[in-house]
Amino acid sequence: MNKCVKSVSVSKTILEYNGSFWHPEEPDESLHPVTKKTLTEMYNNDKQKKELAERNGFTVFVITDKMTSGEQELIVDQFCSKITKGL
């Protein structure tokens, strides 16, 4: 097992990439064209998933496709710093 994979499981750290088509950034009552769920339902599902992970001791880093490459890189750097701490 490589160091990165091992450190992710040991550090309880998650890096998630959310594309805006599947992960709305704001609640909205319009229906998603594929899932037929409201964007509010999808937004709340993402929020609950993150909260569940955090309640179980995970640190969650989220990158979205709306972020600039600089913003995305900063989050990846923070993630890498967290998972390699103590190696």
C-alpha atoms as a PDB file:
ATOM      1  CA  MET A   1       0.000   0.000   0.000  1.00  0.00           C
ATOM      2  CA  ASN A   2       1.503   3.351  -0.909  1.00  0.00           C
ATOM      3  CA  LYS A   3       2.050   6.017   1.784  1.00  0.00           C
ATOM      4  CA  CYS A   4      -0.674   8.324   0.503  1.00  0.00           C
ATOM      5  CA  VAL A   5      -3.443   5.702   0.575  1.00  0.00           C
ATOM      6  CA  LYS A   6      -2.332   4.462   3.982  1.00  0.00           C
ATOM      7  CA  SER A   7      -2.202   7.977   5.423  1.00  0.00           C
ATOM      8  CA  VAL A   8      -5.698   8.798   4.128  1.00  0.00           C
ATOM      9  CA  SER A   9      -7.220   5.847   5.955  1.00  0.00           C
ATOM     10  CA  VAL A  10      -5.209   6.515   9.120  1.00  0.00           C
ATOM     11  CA  SER A  11      -5.856  10.280   9.147  1.00  0.00           C
ATOM     12  CA  LYS A  12      -9.619   9.927   8.504  1.00  0.00           C
ATOM     13  CA  THR A  13      -9.460  12.589   5.832  1.00  0.00           C
ATOM     14  CA  ILE A  14     -11.709  12.915   2.777  1.00  0.00           C
ATOM     15  CA  LEU A  15     -11.126  14.962  -0.371  1.00  0.00           C
ATOM     16  CA  GLU A  16     -14.271  15.282  -2.450  1.00  0.00           C
ATOM     17  CA  TYR A  17     -14.660  16.866  -5.871  1.00  0.00           C
ATOM     18  CA  ASN A  18     -18.179  18.159  -6.525  1.00  0.00           C
ATOM     19  CA  GLY A  19     -19.193  19.050 -10.047  1.00  0.00           C
ATOM     20  CA  SER A  20     -22.069  21.532 -10.094  1.00  0.00           C
ATOM     21  CA  PHE A  21     -24.266  19.355 -12.328  1.00  0.00           C
ATOM     22  CA  TRP A  22     -24.583  16.690  -9.603  1.00  0.00           C
ATOM     23  CA  HIS A  23     -23.881  18.850  -6.532  1.00  0.00           C
ATOM     24  CA  PRO A  24     -25.826  22.133  -6.432  1.00  0.00           C
ATOM     25  CA  GLU A  25     -24.138  24.869  -4.413  1.00  0.00           C
ATOM     26  CA  GLU A  26     -27.442  26.422  -3.286  1.00  0.00           C
ATOM     27  CA  PRO A  27     -30.870  24.989  -2.428  1.00  0.00           C
ATOM     28  CA  ASP A  28     -33.452  25.455  -5.186  1.00  0.00           C
ATOM     29  CA  GLU A  29     -36.879  23.929  -5.737  1.00  0.00           C
ATOM     30  CA  SER A  30     -36.329  23.218  -9.439  1.00  0.00           C
ATOM     31  CA  LEU A  31     -35.969  19.579 -10.471  1.00  0.00           C
ATOM     32  CA  HIS A  32     -32.706  18.040 -11.564  1.00  0.00           C
ATOM     33  CA  PRO A  33     -33.074  16.810 -15.179  1.00  0.00           C
ATOM     34  CA  VAL A  34     -31.680  13.335 -14.430  1.00  0.00           C
ATOM     35  CA  THR A  35     -32.475  12.481 -10.810  1.00  0.00           C
ATOM     36  CA  LYS A  36     -35.857  14.284 -10.785  1.00  0.00           C
ATOM     37  CA  LYS A  37     -35.065  15.373  -7.218  1.00  0.00           C
ATOM     38  CA  THR A  38     -35.218  19.021  -6.258  1.00  0.00           C
ATOM     39  CA  LEU A  39     -31.888  20.791  -6.091  1.00  0.00           C
ATOM     40  CA  THR A  40     -32.725  21.430  -2.423  1.00  0.00           C
ATOM     41  CA  GLU A  41     -32.922  17.652  -1.816  1.00  0.00           C
ATOM     42  CA  MET A  42     -29.586  17.133  -3.548  1.00  0.00           C
ATOM     43  CA  TYR A  43     -27.994  20.068  -1.688  1.00  0.00           C
ATOM     44  CA  ASN A  44     -29.265  18.744   1.660  1.00  0.00           C
ATOM     45  CA  ASN A  45     -28.005  15.236   0.852  1.00  0.00           C
ATOM     46  CA  ASP A  46     -24.483  16.574   0.265  1.00  0.00           C
ATOM     47  CA  LYS A  47     -24.687  18.637   3.454  1.00  0.00           C
ATOM     48  CA  GLN A  48     -25.872  15.640   5.514  1.00  0.00           C
ATOM     49  CA  LYS A  49     -23.182  13.393   4.021  1.00  0.00           C
ATOM     50  CA  LYS A  50     -20.458  15.873   5.016  1.00  0.00           C
ATOM     51  CA  GLU A  51     -21.922  16.340   8.511  1.00  0.00           C
ATOM     52  CA  LEU A  52     -22.103  12.558   9.012  1.00  0.00           C
ATOM     53  CA  ALA A  53     -18.450  12.160   8.060  1.00  0.00           C
ATOM     54  CA  GLU A  54     -17.441  14.985  10.409  1.00  0.00           C
ATOM     55  CA  ARG A  55     -19.492  13.523  13.298  1.00  0.00           C
ATOM     56  CA  ASN A  56     -17.563  10.290  12.766  1.00  0.00           C
ATOM     57  CA  GLY A  57     -14.222  12.016  13.120  1.00  0.00           C
ATOM     58  CA  PHE A  58     -13.386  12.668   9.474  1.00  0.00           C
ATOM     59  CA  THR A  59     -11.991  15.932   8.157  1.00  0.00           C
ATOM     60  CA  VAL A  60     -13.680  16.753   4.850  1.00  0.00           C
ATOM     61  CA  PHE A  61     -12.126  18.913   2.137  1.00  0.00           C
ATOM     62  CA  VAL A  62     -14.427  19.829  -0.765  1.00  0.00           C
ATOM     63  CA  ILE A  63     -13.385  21.136  -4.158  1.00  0.00           C
ATOM     64  CA  THR A  64     -15.982  22.353  -6.659  1.00  0.00           C
ATOM     65  CA  ASP A  65     -15.796  22.941 -10.373  1.00  0.00           C
ATOM     66  CA  LYS A  66     -16.766  26.584  -9.760  1.00  0.00           C
ATOM     67  CA  MET A  67     -13.527  27.278  -7.851  1.00  0.00           C
ATOM     68  CA  THR A  68     -10.534  28.787  -9.579  1.00  0.00           C
ATOM     69  CA  SER A  69      -7.557  26.504 -10.147  1.00  0.00           C
ATOM     70  CA  GLY A  70      -5.737  28.486  -7.447  1.00  0.00           C
ATOM     71  CA  GLU A  71      -8.530  27.840  -4.933  1.00  0.00           C
ATOM     72  CA  GLN A  72      -8.587  24.143  -5.853  1.00  0.00           C
ATOM     73  CA  GLU A  73      -4.803  23.903  -5.490  1.00  0.00           C
ATOM     74  CA  LEU A  74      -4.935  25.524  -2.041  1.00  0.00           C
ATOM     75  CA  ILE A  75      -7.446  22.922  -0.820  1.00  0.00           C
ATOM     76  CA  VAL A  76      -5.391  20.064  -2.286  1.00  0.00           C
ATOM     77  CA  ASP A  77      -2.314  21.449  -0.494  1.00  0.00           C
ATOM     78  CA  GLN A  78      -4.262  21.604   2.793  1.00  0.00           C
ATOM     79  CA  PHE A  79      -5.464  18.042   2.247  1.00  0.00           C
ATOM     80  CA  CYS A  80      -1.944  16.776   1.499  1.00  0.00           C
ATOM     81  CA  SER A  81      -0.578  18.567   4.539  1.00  0.00           C
ATOM     82  CA  LYS A  82      -3.223  16.924   6.750  1.00  0.00           C
ATOM     83  CA  ILE A  83      -2.699  13.395   5.467  1.00  0.00           C
ATOM     84  CA  THR A  84       1.102  13.514   5.576  1.00  0.00           C
ATOM     85  CA  LYS A  85       1.329  15.011   9.076  1.00  0.00           C
ATOM     86  CA  GLY A  86       3.147  12.537  11.279  1.00  0.00           C
ATOM     87  CA  LEU A  87       4.440  10.265   8.503  1.00  0.00           C
END
